[in-house]
């Protein structure tokens, strides 16, 4: 994606295309040789997202990007397959819609009232899988998505502040500037208390993209009509599409997408890689230990002092949506020494 001319605001810098490119090159210089090993994660478009998330501060953006590299090598989002999360997906609590909004953005639907497990690690793996899938399917001229949150069946018993905190950390720090709009559709009054609890974990820029929408309010209906083709939009959000979530059809769709991703990762191979669950049942790492949810003004530091060795990255996987390639076995223990050599001040 080409560099965009950004419309500045009172809180966000407005830079010319030349200034943006200079900032991107600054980040590459800070990262050093690692940037050449990860051309997708360190592309102009990707670095630009990290810079925008840190208000064009090169050092903070580079540190944020380095932390994503470390997380990716531990969490291995590119290895998650449908079969790993099919149980979490059974109720349709999070899924990608089969339509785009009017701006061509992918649409992720969240239905927290349909929570069917208590496994926070599994829940987060499921959300990461959905994010990776949505990013993979974005049009070349689009880098953001829309989240539709349906509160049907939601009660306070659905709440997990821990899950919300860890999810917010991953989405904000490892998928920066991916959210175009967040629609909270018909949230109950009691949700306001929960919103107050999770607000500190949400960065100001993200918070401003969230809209409370109510089916009985004309202004809300106008907003939905501006964003979506109402013939395609689900009935649950005021649209005219009554198809709903079909687990079997969705499972087949995701398996097909998994195959496309596998073909992109391993062209010419007929045997799929081991799934993330079968490969590493013992791994418990979700986010850096000593997690600290950073705001746009923070330094995005990680409490995890482990390093990652990027010397043996397989170049065949550089077309993936987010991640570095997996570094297998004992190599992962040696972790990211190259990154740590140039540790930011």
C-alpha atoms as a PDB file:
ATOM      1  CA  UNK A   1       0.000   0.000   0.000  1.00  0.00           C
ATOM      2  CA  UNK A   2       1.311   3.424  -0.883  1.00  0.00           C
ATOM      3  CA  UNK A   3       1.962   6.059   1.715  1.00  0.00           C
ATOM      4  CA  UNK A   4      -1.094   8.177   2.372  1.00  0.00           C
ATOM      5  CA  UNK A   5      -1.259  11.892   2.999  1.00  0.00           C
ATOM      6  CA  UNK A   6      -2.744  12.061   6.451  1.00  0.00           C
ATOM      7  CA  UNK A   7      -5.232  14.599   7.651  1.00  0.00           C
ATOM      8  CA  UNK A   8      -3.814  15.990  10.851  1.00  0.00           C
ATOM      9  CA  UNK A   9      -5.667  16.789  14.029  1.00  0.00           C
ATOM     10  CA  UNK A  10      -4.894  18.661  17.194  1.00  0.00           C
ATOM     11  CA  UNK A  11      -3.446  15.469  18.731  1.00  0.00           C
ATOM     12  CA  UNK A  12      -1.861  13.805  15.688  1.00  0.00           C
ATOM     13  CA  UNK A  13       1.003  15.097  13.622  1.00  0.00           C
ATOM     14  CA  UNK A  14       0.367  15.972   9.987  1.00  0.00           C
ATOM     15  CA  UNK A  15       3.328  14.939   7.846  1.00  0.00           C
ATOM     16  CA  UNK A  16       4.040  15.260   4.164  1.00  0.00           C
ATOM     17  CA  UNK A  17       4.697  12.123   2.120  1.00  0.00           C
ATOM     18  CA  UNK A  18       8.415  12.916   2.160  1.00  0.00           C
ATOM     19  CA  UNK A  19       8.407  13.319   5.949  1.00  0.00           C
ATOM     20  CA  UNK A  20       6.546  10.025   6.352  1.00  0.00           C
ATOM     21  CA  UNK A  21       9.096   8.205   4.216  1.00  0.00           C
ATOM     22  CA  UNK A  22      11.922   9.741   6.235  1.00  0.00           C
ATOM     23  CA  UNK A  23      10.316   8.460   9.457  1.00  0.00           C
ATOM     24  CA  UNK A  24       9.894   4.998   7.944  1.00  0.00           C
ATOM     25  CA  UNK A  25      13.571   4.928   6.999  1.00  0.00           C
ATOM     26  CA  UNK A  26      14.469   6.040  10.528  1.00  0.00           C
ATOM     27  CA  UNK A  27      12.632   3.023  11.942  1.00  0.00           C
ATOM     28  CA  UNK A  28      14.397   0.692   9.510  1.00  0.00           C
ATOM     29  CA  UNK A  29      17.771   2.080  10.581  1.00  0.00           C
ATOM     30  CA  UNK A  30      16.881   1.507  14.238  1.00  0.00           C
ATOM     31  CA  UNK A  31      15.801  -2.069  13.530  1.00  0.00           C
ATOM     32  CA  UNK A  32      18.953  -2.805  11.522  1.00  0.00           C
ATOM     33  CA  UNK A  33      19.382  -6.086   9.570  1.00  0.00           C
ATOM     34  CA  UNK A  34      16.199  -7.540  11.064  1.00  0.00           C
ATOM     35  CA  UNK A  35      14.122  -5.308   8.788  1.00  0.00           C
ATOM     36  CA  UNK A  36      15.561  -7.016   5.705  1.00  0.00           C
ATOM     37  CA  UNK A  37      14.703 -10.466   7.086  1.00  0.00           C
ATOM     38  CA  UNK A  38      11.034  -9.539   7.589  1.00  0.00           C
ATOM     39  CA  UNK A  39      10.027  -7.563   4.477  1.00  0.00           C
ATOM     40  CA  UNK A  40       6.260  -7.817   5.092  1.00  0.00           C
ATOM     41  CA  UNK A  41       6.287  -6.846   8.747  1.00  0.00           C
ATOM     42  CA  UNK A  42       8.843  -4.147   7.906  1.00  0.00           C
ATOM     43  CA  UNK A  43       7.165  -2.903   4.723  1.00  0.00           C
ATOM     44  CA  UNK A  44       6.423   0.799   4.297  1.00  0.00           C
ATOM     45  CA  UNK A  45       2.728   0.228   5.022  1.00  0.00           C
ATOM     46  CA  UNK A  46       3.391  -1.814   8.152  1.00  0.00           C
ATOM     47  CA  UNK A  47       5.979   0.562   9.615  1.00  0.00           C
ATOM     48  CA  UNK A  48       3.638   3.455   8.818  1.00  0.00           C
ATOM     49  CA  UNK A  49       0.907   1.859  10.964  1.00  0.00           C
ATOM     50  CA  UNK A  50       3.298   1.523  13.910  1.00  0.00           C
ATOM     51  CA  UNK A  51       4.429   5.114  13.446  1.00  0.00           C
ATOM     52  CA  UNK A  52       0.853   6.407  13.368  1.00  0.00           C
ATOM     53  CA  UNK A  53       0.095   4.410  16.517  1.00  0.00           C
ATOM     54  CA  UNK A  54       2.987   6.208  18.217  1.00  0.00           C
ATOM     55  CA  UNK A  55       2.268   9.622  16.717  1.00  0.00           C
ATOM     56  CA  UNK A  56       5.269   9.401  14.373  1.00  0.00           C
ATOM     57  CA  UNK A  57       7.824   8.888  17.137  1.00  0.00           C
ATOM     58  CA  UNK A  58      10.447   6.701  15.433  1.00  0.00           C
ATOM     59  CA  UNK A  59      11.983   5.220  18.564  1.00  0.00           C
ATOM     60  CA  UNK A  60       8.639   4.314  20.098  1.00  0.00           C
ATOM     61  CA  UNK A  61       7.393   2.854  16.815  1.00  0.00           C
ATOM     62  CA  UNK A  62      10.556   0.767  16.415  1.00  0.00           C
ATOM     63  CA  UNK A  63      10.269  -0.559  19.945  1.00  0.00           C
ATOM     64  CA  UNK A  64       6.596  -1.390  19.390  1.00  0.00           C
ATOM     65  CA  UNK A  65       7.466  -3.238  16.194  1.00  0.00           C
ATOM     66  CA  UNK A  66      10.287  -5.143  17.887  1.00  0.00           C
ATOM     67  CA  UNK A  67       7.873  -6.256  20.598  1.00  0.00           C
ATOM     68  CA  UNK A  68       5.523  -7.522  17.906  1.00  0.00           C
ATOM     69  CA  UNK A  69       8.363  -9.558  16.411  1.00  0.00           C
ATOM     70  CA  UNK A  70       9.068 -11.118  19.808  1.00  0.00           C
ATOM     71  CA  UNK A  71       5.393 -11.847  20.474  1.00  0.00           C
ATOM     72  CA  UNK A  72       4.953 -13.317  17.012  1.00  0.00           C
ATOM     73  CA  UNK A  73       7.835 -15.744  17.418  1.00  0.00           C
ATOM     74  CA  UNK A  74       6.370 -16.923  20.728  1.00  0.00           C
ATOM     75  CA  UNK A  75       2.654 -16.932  19.927  1.00  0.00           C
ATOM     76  CA  UNK A  76       3.061 -18.021  16.278  1.00  0.00           C
ATOM     77  CA  UNK A  77      -0.194 -16.548  14.941  1.00  0.00           C
ATOM     78  CA  UNK A  78       0.514 -17.760  11.411  1.00  0.00           C
ATOM     79  CA  UNK A  79       0.468 -21.383  12.633  1.00  0.00           C
ATOM     80  CA  UNK A  80      -3.062 -21.226  14.072  1.00  0.00           C
ATOM     81  CA  UNK A  81      -5.460 -23.265  11.949  1.00  0.00           C
ATOM     82  CA  UNK A  82      -9.203 -23.695  11.941  1.00  0.00           C
ATOM     83  CA  UNK A  83      -8.996 -27.045  13.721  1.00  0.00           C
ATOM     84  CA  UNK A  84      -7.134 -25.358  16.582  1.00  0.00           C
ATOM     85  CA  UNK A  85      -9.986 -22.965  17.314  1.00  0.00           C
ATOM     86  CA  UNK A  86     -13.062 -24.729  15.922  1.00  0.00           C
ATOM     87  CA  UNK A  87     -14.438 -25.377  19.416  1.00  0.00           C
ATOM     88  CA  UNK A  88     -14.115 -21.696  20.320  1.00  0.00           C
ATOM     89  CA  UNK A  89     -15.834 -20.778  17.037  1.00  0.00           C
ATOM     90  CA  UNK A  90     -18.785 -23.162  17.447  1.00  0.00           C
ATOM     91  CA  UNK A  91     -21.298 -20.532  18.600  1.00  0.00           C
ATOM     92  CA  UNK A  92     -20.219 -17.768  16.221  1.00  0.00           C
ATOM     93  CA  UNK A  93     -19.023 -15.524  19.046  1.00  0.00           C
ATOM     94  CA  UNK A  94     -16.359 -14.073  16.704  1.00  0.00           C
ATOM     95  CA  UNK A  95     -16.352 -14.508  12.941  1.00  0.00           C
ATOM     96  CA  UNK A  96     -15.581 -12.711   9.694  1.00  0.00           C
ATOM     97  CA  UNK A  97     -18.633 -11.581   7.767  1.00  0.00           C
ATOM     98  CA  UNK A  98     -18.958 -12.569   4.106  1.00  0.00           C
ATOM     99  CA  UNK A  99     -19.407  -8.926   3.080  1.00  0.00           C
ATOM    100  CA  UNK A 100     -17.431  -5.680   3.281  1.00  0.00           C
ATOM    101  CA  UNK A 101     -18.530  -2.241   4.380  1.00  0.00           C
ATOM    102  CA  UNK A 102     -18.989   0.521   1.800  1.00  0.00           C
ATOM    103  CA  UNK A 103     -15.310   1.474   2.100  1.00  0.00           C
ATOM    104  CA  UNK A 104     -14.211  -2.046   1.230  1.00  0.00           C
ATOM    105  CA  UNK A 105     -13.147  -2.914   4.776  1.00  0.00           C
ATOM    106  CA  UNK A 106     -13.352  -6.426   6.196  1.00  0.00           C
ATOM    107  CA  UNK A 107     -16.014  -6.888   8.885  1.00  0.00           C
ATOM    108  CA  UNK A 108     -15.471  -8.901  12.071  1.00  0.00           C
ATOM    109  CA  UNK A 109     -18.568  -9.720  14.092  1.00  0.00           C
ATOM    110  CA  UNK A 110     -18.305 -10.174  17.858  1.00  0.00           C
ATOM    111  CA  UNK A 111     -21.152 -11.691  19.894  1.00  0.00           C
ATOM    112  CA  UNK A 112     -19.913 -11.745  23.511  1.00  0.00           C
ATOM    113  CA  UNK A 113     -23.254 -13.105  24.708  1.00  0.00           C
ATOM    114  CA  UNK A 114     -22.440 -16.340  22.854  1.00  0.00           C
ATOM    115  CA  UNK A 115     -19.329 -17.110  24.924  1.00  0.00           C
ATOM    116  CA  UNK A 116     -18.981 -20.891  25.174  1.00  0.00           C
ATOM    117  CA  UNK A 117     -15.689 -21.512  27.006  1.00  0.00           C
ATOM    118  CA  UNK A 118     -13.753 -20.321  30.034  1.00  0.00           C
ATOM    119  CA  UNK A 119     -10.332 -20.887  28.448  1.00  0.00           C
ATOM    120  CA  UNK A 120      -8.875 -17.378  28.107  1.00  0.00           C
ATOM    121  CA  UNK A 121      -5.860 -18.663  26.188  1.00  0.00           C
ATOM    122  CA  UNK A 122      -8.130 -20.406  23.695  1.00  0.00           C
ATOM    123  CA  UNK A 123     -10.355 -17.343  23.397  1.00  0.00           C
ATOM    124  CA  UNK A 124      -7.411 -15.105  22.573  1.00  0.00           C
ATOM    125  CA  UNK A 125      -6.018 -17.628  20.088  1.00  0.00           C
ATOM    126  CA  UNK A 126      -9.438 -17.612  18.385  1.00  0.00           C
ATOM    127  CA  UNK A 127      -9.489 -13.802  18.125  1.00  0.00           C
ATOM    128  CA  UNK A 128      -5.929 -13.748  16.773  1.00  0.00           C
ATOM    129  CA  UNK A 129      -6.910 -16.345  14.164  1.00  0.00           C
ATOM    130  CA  UNK A 130      -9.838 -14.165  13.095  1.00  0.00           C
ATOM    131  CA  UNK A 131      -7.620 -11.081  12.916  1.00  0.00           C
ATOM    132  CA  UNK A 132      -4.998 -12.884  10.825  1.00  0.00           C
ATOM    133  CA  UNK A 133      -7.696 -14.182   8.503  1.00  0.00           C
ATOM    134  CA  UNK A 134      -9.244 -10.739   8.097  1.00  0.00           C
ATOM    135  CA  UNK A 135      -5.861  -9.100   7.426  1.00  0.00           C
ATOM    136  CA  UNK A 136      -5.001 -11.762   4.856  1.00  0.00           C
ATOM    137  CA  UNK A 137      -8.187 -11.062   2.923  1.00  0.00           C
ATOM    138  CA  UNK A 138      -8.002  -7.250   2.929  1.00  0.00           C
ATOM    139  CA  UNK A 139      -7.995  -5.604  -0.477  1.00  0.00           C
ATOM    140  CA  UNK A 140      -4.568  -4.244  -1.515  1.00  0.00           C
ATOM    141  CA  UNK A 141      -5.798  -0.653  -1.141  1.00  0.00           C
ATOM    142  CA  UNK A 142      -7.278  -1.226   2.321  1.00  0.00           C
ATOM    143  CA  UNK A 143      -5.605  -1.879   5.670  1.00  0.00           C
ATOM    144  CA  UNK A 144      -8.419  -1.482   8.188  1.00  0.00           C
ATOM    145  CA  UNK A 145     -11.493  -3.395   9.269  1.00  0.00           C
ATOM    146  CA  UNK A 146     -14.782  -2.787  11.042  1.00  0.00           C
ATOM    147  CA  UNK A 147     -15.849  -4.547  14.216  1.00  0.00           C
ATOM    148  CA  UNK A 148     -19.555  -5.102  14.831  1.00  0.00           C
ATOM    149  CA  UNK A 149     -20.352  -6.061  18.419  1.00  0.00           C
ATOM    150  CA  UNK A 150     -23.789  -7.611  18.927  1.00  0.00           C
ATOM    151  CA  UNK A 151     -25.002  -7.601  22.536  1.00  0.00           C
ATOM    152  CA  UNK A 152     -27.752 -10.156  22.086  1.00  0.00           C
ATOM    153  CA  UNK A 153     -27.712 -12.440  25.129  1.00  0.00           C
ATOM    154  CA  UNK A 154     -24.985 -10.436  26.864  1.00  0.00           C
ATOM    155  CA  UNK A 155     -25.048 -10.280  30.661  1.00  0.00           C
ATOM    156  CA  UNK A 156     -22.556  -9.337  33.352  1.00  0.00           C
ATOM    157  CA  UNK A 157     -21.753 -13.050  33.718  1.00  0.00           C
ATOM    158  CA  UNK A 158     -20.113 -12.882  30.266  1.00  0.00           C
ATOM    159  CA  UNK A 159     -17.503 -10.492  31.599  1.00  0.00           C
ATOM    160  CA  UNK A 160     -13.820 -11.353  31.993  1.00  0.00           C
ATOM    161  CA  UNK A 161     -11.737  -8.281  32.692  1.00  0.00           C
ATOM    162  CA  UNK A 162      -8.577 -10.386  32.373  1.00  0.00           C
ATOM    163  CA  UNK A 163      -9.554 -11.566  28.906  1.00  0.00           C
ATOM    164  CA  UNK A 164     -10.547  -8.035  27.886  1.00  0.00           C
ATOM    165  CA  UNK A 165      -7.236  -6.634  29.149  1.00  0.00           C
ATOM    166  CA  UNK A 166      -5.086  -9.208  27.366  1.00  0.00           C
ATOM    167  CA  UNK A 167      -7.136  -8.983  24.174  1.00  0.00           C
ATOM    168  CA  UNK A 168      -6.866  -5.187  24.152  1.00  0.00           C
ATOM    169  CA  UNK A 169      -3.105  -5.428  24.643  1.00  0.00           C
ATOM    170  CA  UNK A 170      -2.603  -7.780  21.703  1.00  0.00           C
ATOM    171  CA  UNK A 171      -4.944  -5.981  19.320  1.00  0.00           C
ATOM    172  CA  UNK A 172      -3.548  -2.523  20.073  1.00  0.00           C
ATOM    173  CA  UNK A 173       0.130  -3.383  20.261  1.00  0.00           C
ATOM    174  CA  UNK A 174       0.418  -6.052  17.563  1.00  0.00           C
ATOM    175  CA  UNK A 175      -2.308  -4.979  15.124  1.00  0.00           C
ATOM    176  CA  UNK A 176      -1.976  -1.173  15.306  1.00  0.00           C
ATOM    177  CA  UNK A 177      -4.177   0.989  13.101  1.00  0.00           C
ATOM    178  CA  UNK A 178      -6.168  -2.018  11.888  1.00  0.00           C
ATOM    179  CA  UNK A 179      -9.444  -0.830  13.415  1.00  0.00           C
ATOM    180  CA  UNK A 180     -11.368   1.571  11.217  1.00  0.00           C
ATOM    181  CA  UNK A 181     -14.589   1.622  13.252  1.00  0.00           C
ATOM    182  CA  UNK A 182     -16.050  -0.252  16.202  1.00  0.00           C
ATOM    183  CA  UNK A 183     -19.836  -0.459  16.481  1.00  0.00           C
ATOM    184  CA  UNK A 184     -21.345  -1.394  19.856  1.00  0.00           C
ATOM    185  CA  UNK A 185     -24.860  -2.364  18.815  1.00  0.00           C
ATOM    186  CA  UNK A 186     -27.652  -2.108  21.415  1.00  0.00           C
ATOM    187  CA  UNK A 187     -25.414  -2.392  24.485  1.00  0.00           C
ATOM    188  CA  UNK A 188     -27.507  -2.790  27.671  1.00  0.00           C
ATOM    189  CA  UNK A 189     -27.393  -0.134  30.342  1.00  0.00           C
ATOM    190  CA  UNK A 190     -25.356  -2.375  32.623  1.00  0.00           C
ATOM    191  CA  UNK A 191     -22.607  -2.499  29.987  1.00  0.00           C
ATOM    192  CA  UNK A 192     -21.661   1.061  30.882  1.00  0.00           C
ATOM    193  CA  UNK A 193     -20.138  -0.229  34.131  1.00  0.00           C
ATOM    194  CA  UNK A 194     -18.011  -2.747  32.241  1.00  0.00           C
ATOM    195  CA  UNK A 195     -17.034  -0.089  29.700  1.00  0.00           C
ATOM    196  CA  UNK A 196     -15.770   2.038  32.576  1.00  0.00           C
ATOM    197  CA  UNK A 197     -13.617  -0.896  33.720  1.00  0.00           C
ATOM    198  CA  UNK A 198     -12.024  -1.600  30.334  1.00  0.00           C
ATOM    199  CA  UNK A 199     -11.652   2.002  29.172  1.00  0.00           C
ATOM    200  CA  UNK A 200      -8.218   2.383  30.854  1.00  0.00           C
ATOM    201  CA  UNK A 201      -6.951  -0.505  28.690  1.00  0.00           C
ATOM    202  CA  UNK A 202      -8.075   1.165  25.459  1.00  0.00           C
ATOM    203  CA  UNK A 203      -5.863   3.735  23.778  1.00  0.00           C
ATOM    204  CA  UNK A 204      -7.439   7.157  23.166  1.00  0.00           C
ATOM    205  CA  UNK A 205      -7.179   6.836  19.367  1.00  0.00           C
ATOM    206  CA  UNK A 206      -8.976   3.484  19.490  1.00  0.00           C
ATOM    207  CA  UNK A 207     -11.580   4.755  21.924  1.00  0.00           C
ATOM    208  CA  UNK A 208     -12.519   7.552  19.521  1.00  0.00           C
ATOM    209  CA  UNK A 209     -13.316   5.010  16.792  1.00  0.00           C
ATOM    210  CA  UNK A 210     -15.963   3.283  18.909  1.00  0.00           C
ATOM    211  CA  UNK A 211     -19.636   4.187  18.455  1.00  0.00           C
ATOM    212  CA  UNK A 212     -22.613   3.243  20.598  1.00  0.00           C
ATOM    213  CA  UNK A 213     -25.461   2.433  18.208  1.00  0.00           C
ATOM    214  CA  UNK A 214     -29.096   1.770  19.128  1.00  0.00           C
ATOM    215  CA  UNK A 215     -31.663   0.243  16.783  1.00  0.00           C
ATOM    216  CA  UNK A 216     -34.446   2.626  17.840  1.00  0.00           C
ATOM    217  CA  UNK A 217     -32.458   5.810  17.286  1.00  0.00           C
ATOM    218  CA  UNK A 218     -32.804   7.393  13.789  1.00  0.00           C
ATOM    219  CA  UNK A 219     -29.270   8.796  13.971  1.00  0.00           C
ATOM    220  CA  UNK A 220     -27.906   5.325  14.673  1.00  0.00           C
ATOM    221  CA  UNK A 221     -29.813   3.891  11.736  1.00  0.00           C
ATOM    222  CA  UNK A 222     -28.395   6.622   9.495  1.00  0.00           C
ATOM    223  CA  UNK A 223     -24.861   5.741  10.608  1.00  0.00           C
ATOM    224  CA  UNK A 224     -25.386   2.065   9.741  1.00  0.00           C
ATOM    225  CA  UNK A 225     -26.783   2.975   6.326  1.00  0.00           C
ATOM    226  CA  UNK A 226     -23.745   5.171   5.658  1.00  0.00           C
ATOM    227  CA  UNK A 227     -21.387   2.318   6.528  1.00  0.00           C
ATOM    228  CA  UNK A 228     -23.109  -0.754   5.073  1.00  0.00           C
ATOM    229  CA  UNK A 229     -25.183  -2.093   2.212  1.00  0.00           C
ATOM    230  CA  UNK A 230     -28.338  -2.880   4.200  1.00  0.00           C
ATOM    231  CA  UNK A 231     -29.198  -5.810   1.912  1.00  0.00           C
ATOM    232  CA  UNK A 232     -25.949  -7.486   2.991  1.00  0.00           C
ATOM    233  CA  UNK A 233     -25.884  -6.397   6.645  1.00  0.00           C
ATOM    234  CA  UNK A 234     -27.131  -8.944   9.190  1.00  0.00           C
ATOM    235  CA  UNK A 235     -30.633  -8.524  10.609  1.00  0.00           C
ATOM    236  CA  UNK A 236     -29.033  -8.427  14.056  1.00  0.00           C
ATOM    237  CA  UNK A 237     -27.572  -5.028  13.133  1.00  0.00           C
ATOM    238  CA  UNK A 238     -30.674  -3.608  11.443  1.00  0.00           C
ATOM    239  CA  UNK A 239     -29.885  -4.956   7.979  1.00  0.00           C
ATOM    240  CA  UNK A 240     -31.987  -7.133   5.670  1.00  0.00           C
ATOM    241  CA  UNK A 241     -29.736 -10.211   5.519  1.00  0.00           C
ATOM    242  CA  UNK A 242     -31.413 -12.995   7.500  1.00  0.00           C
ATOM    243  CA  UNK A 243     -28.888 -15.753   6.710  1.00  0.00           C
ATOM    244  CA  UNK A 244     -27.177 -15.584  10.112  1.00  0.00           C
ATOM    245  CA  UNK A 245     -24.168 -17.618  11.245  1.00  0.00           C
ATOM    246  CA  UNK A 246     -23.894 -21.131   9.784  1.00  0.00           C
ATOM    247  CA  UNK A 247     -21.156 -23.065  11.538  1.00  0.00           C
ATOM    248  CA  UNK A 248     -20.667 -25.780   8.918  1.00  0.00           C
ATOM    249  CA  UNK A 249     -20.519 -23.335   6.011  1.00  0.00           C
ATOM    250  CA  UNK A 250     -18.163 -21.041   7.934  1.00  0.00           C
ATOM    251  CA  UNK A 251     -15.892 -23.955   8.887  1.00  0.00           C
ATOM    252  CA  UNK A 252     -15.543 -24.907   5.233  1.00  0.00           C
ATOM    253  CA  UNK A 253     -14.816 -21.294   4.290  1.00  0.00           C
ATOM    254  CA  UNK A 254     -12.083 -21.035   6.917  1.00  0.00           C
ATOM    255  CA  UNK A 255     -10.507 -24.346   5.876  1.00  0.00           C
ATOM    256  CA  UNK A 256     -10.304 -23.012   2.335  1.00  0.00           C
ATOM    257  CA  UNK A 257      -8.671 -19.826   3.607  1.00  0.00           C
ATOM    258  CA  UNK A 258      -6.218 -21.897   5.662  1.00  0.00           C
ATOM    259  CA  UNK A 259      -5.241 -23.761   2.500  1.00  0.00           C
ATOM    260  CA  UNK A 260      -4.690 -20.488   0.636  1.00  0.00           C
ATOM    261  CA  UNK A 261      -2.450 -19.293   3.444  1.00  0.00           C
ATOM    262  CA  UNK A 262      -0.571 -22.605   3.507  1.00  0.00           C
ATOM    263  CA  UNK A 263      -0.041 -22.451  -0.262  1.00  0.00           C
ATOM    264  CA  UNK A 264       1.344 -18.946   0.159  1.00  0.00           C
ATOM    265  CA  UNK A 265       3.668 -20.043   2.974  1.00  0.00           C
ATOM    266  CA  UNK A 266       4.855 -23.280   1.417  1.00  0.00           C
ATOM    267  CA  UNK A 267       4.423 -23.154  -2.371  1.00  0.00           C
ATOM    268  CA  UNK A 268       4.720 -26.572  -3.973  1.00  0.00           C
ATOM    269  CA  UNK A 269       4.271 -28.501  -0.717  1.00  0.00           C
ATOM    270  CA  UNK A 270       1.352 -30.904  -0.290  1.00  0.00           C
ATOM    271  CA  UNK A 271       1.673 -31.547   3.437  1.00  0.00           C
ATOM    272  CA  UNK A 272       0.318 -28.865   5.818  1.00  0.00           C
ATOM    273  CA  UNK A 273       2.497 -27.717   8.718  1.00  0.00           C
ATOM    274  CA  UNK A 274       1.703 -28.909  12.262  1.00  0.00           C
ATOM    275  CA  UNK A 275      -0.922 -26.845  14.010  1.00  0.00           C
ATOM    276  CA  UNK A 276       0.028 -24.510  16.801  1.00  0.00           C
ATOM    277  CA  UNK A 277      -1.805 -26.637  19.381  1.00  0.00           C
ATOM    278  CA  UNK A 278      -0.267 -29.978  18.412  1.00  0.00           C
ATOM    279  CA  UNK A 279       3.163 -28.393  18.082  1.00  0.00           C
ATOM    280  CA  UNK A 280       3.282 -26.646  21.434  1.00  0.00           C
ATOM    281  CA  UNK A 281       0.706 -27.785  23.972  1.00  0.00           C
ATOM    282  CA  UNK A 282       2.905 -26.685  26.855  1.00  0.00           C
ATOM    283  CA  UNK A 283       3.398 -23.055  25.859  1.00  0.00           C
ATOM    284  CA  UNK A 284       1.531 -20.653  28.136  1.00  0.00           C
ATOM    285  CA  UNK A 285       2.805 -17.333  26.819  1.00  0.00           C
ATOM    286  CA  UNK A 286       0.127 -14.956  25.565  1.00  0.00           C
ATOM    287  CA  UNK A 287       1.647 -11.571  26.111  1.00  0.00           C
ATOM    288  CA  UNK A 288       4.964 -10.439  27.557  1.00  0.00           C
ATOM    289  CA  UNK A 289       5.252 -11.250  31.236  1.00  0.00           C
ATOM    290  CA  UNK A 290       4.698  -8.305  33.532  1.00  0.00           C
ATOM    291  CA  UNK A 291       2.173  -7.019  31.017  1.00  0.00           C
ATOM    292  CA  UNK A 292       1.675  -3.279  30.972  1.00  0.00           C
ATOM    293  CA  UNK A 293      -0.967  -1.888  28.665  1.00  0.00           C
ATOM    294  CA  UNK A 294       0.557   1.089  26.887  1.00  0.00           C
ATOM    295  CA  UNK A 295      -1.124   4.210  25.680  1.00  0.00           C
ATOM    296  CA  UNK A 296      -0.089   6.165  22.599  1.00  0.00           C
ATOM    297  CA  UNK A 297       2.232   8.211  24.758  1.00  0.00           C
ATOM    298  CA  UNK A 298       3.906   5.265  26.480  1.00  0.00           C
ATOM    299  CA  UNK A 299       7.166   3.637  25.509  1.00  0.00           C
ATOM    300  CA  UNK A 300       5.509   0.273  24.871  1.00  0.00           C
ATOM    301  CA  UNK A 301       8.102  -1.547  26.948  1.00  0.00           C
ATOM    302  CA  UNK A 302       7.870  -5.286  27.509  1.00  0.00           C
ATOM    303  CA  UNK A 303       8.639  -6.996  30.781  1.00  0.00           C
ATOM    304  CA  UNK A 304       9.853 -10.067  28.897  1.00  0.00           C
ATOM    305  CA  UNK A 305      13.619 -10.029  28.660  1.00  0.00           C
ATOM    306  CA  UNK A 306      13.868 -13.124  26.446  1.00  0.00           C
ATOM    307  CA  UNK A 307      15.443 -12.527  23.064  1.00  0.00           C
ATOM    308  CA  UNK A 308      14.709 -14.011  19.662  1.00  0.00           C
ATOM    309  CA  UNK A 309      17.178 -15.268  17.077  1.00  0.00           C
ATOM    310  CA  UNK A 310      16.026 -14.203  13.625  1.00  0.00           C
ATOM    311  CA  UNK A 311      19.021 -15.636  11.761  1.00  0.00           C
ATOM    312  CA  UNK A 312      17.146 -18.729  10.544  1.00  0.00           C
ATOM    313  CA  UNK A 313      13.852 -17.196   9.430  1.00  0.00           C
ATOM    314  CA  UNK A 314      12.416 -19.070   6.457  1.00  0.00           C
ATOM    315  CA  UNK A 315      11.958 -16.534   3.669  1.00  0.00           C
ATOM    316  CA  UNK A 316       9.054 -18.536   2.212  1.00  0.00           C
ATOM    317  CA  UNK A 317       6.775 -17.207   4.934  1.00  0.00           C
ATOM    318  CA  UNK A 318       7.364 -13.516   4.435  1.00  0.00           C
ATOM    319  CA  UNK A 319       4.004 -13.073   2.688  1.00  0.00           C
ATOM    320  CA  UNK A 320       2.107 -13.698   5.907  1.00  0.00           C
ATOM    321  CA  UNK A 321      -0.257 -11.027   7.254  1.00  0.00           C
ATOM    322  CA  UNK A 322       1.569 -10.236  10.479  1.00  0.00           C
ATOM    323  CA  UNK A 323       4.085 -12.623  11.774  1.00  0.00           C
ATOM    324  CA  UNK A 324       7.672 -13.508  11.608  1.00  0.00           C
ATOM    325  CA  UNK A 325       8.228 -17.160  10.722  1.00  0.00           C
ATOM    326  CA  UNK A 326       8.331 -19.686  13.500  1.00  0.00           C
ATOM    327  CA  UNK A 327      11.734 -20.444  14.935  1.00  0.00           C
ATOM    328  CA  UNK A 328      11.456 -24.047  16.005  1.00  0.00           C
ATOM    329  CA  UNK A 329      12.665 -25.966  19.028  1.00  0.00           C
ATOM    330  CA  UNK A 330      15.772 -24.881  20.874  1.00  0.00           C
ATOM    331  CA  UNK A 331      16.314 -21.937  18.533  1.00  0.00           C
ATOM    332  CA  UNK A 332      13.322 -20.203  20.136  1.00  0.00           C
ATOM    333  CA  UNK A 333      15.054 -20.415  23.506  1.00  0.00           C
ATOM    334  CA  UNK A 334      17.983 -18.430  22.139  1.00  0.00           C
ATOM    335  CA  UNK A 335      15.559 -15.776  20.986  1.00  0.00           C
ATOM    336  CA  UNK A 336      16.119 -12.377  19.319  1.00  0.00           C
ATOM    337  CA  UNK A 337      19.685 -11.567  20.120  1.00  0.00           C
ATOM    338  CA  UNK A 338      19.872  -9.474  17.013  1.00  0.00           C
ATOM    339  CA  UNK A 339      17.034  -7.334  18.274  1.00  0.00           C
ATOM    340  CA  UNK A 340      18.603  -6.935  21.694  1.00  0.00           C
ATOM    341  CA  UNK A 341      21.977  -5.917  20.268  1.00  0.00           C
ATOM    342  CA  UNK A 342      20.447  -2.626  19.260  1.00  0.00           C
ATOM    343  CA  UNK A 343      18.160  -2.202  22.277  1.00  0.00           C
ATOM    344  CA  UNK A 344      16.505   1.183  22.243  1.00  0.00           C
ATOM    345  CA  UNK A 345      17.338   3.750  24.845  1.00  0.00           C
END
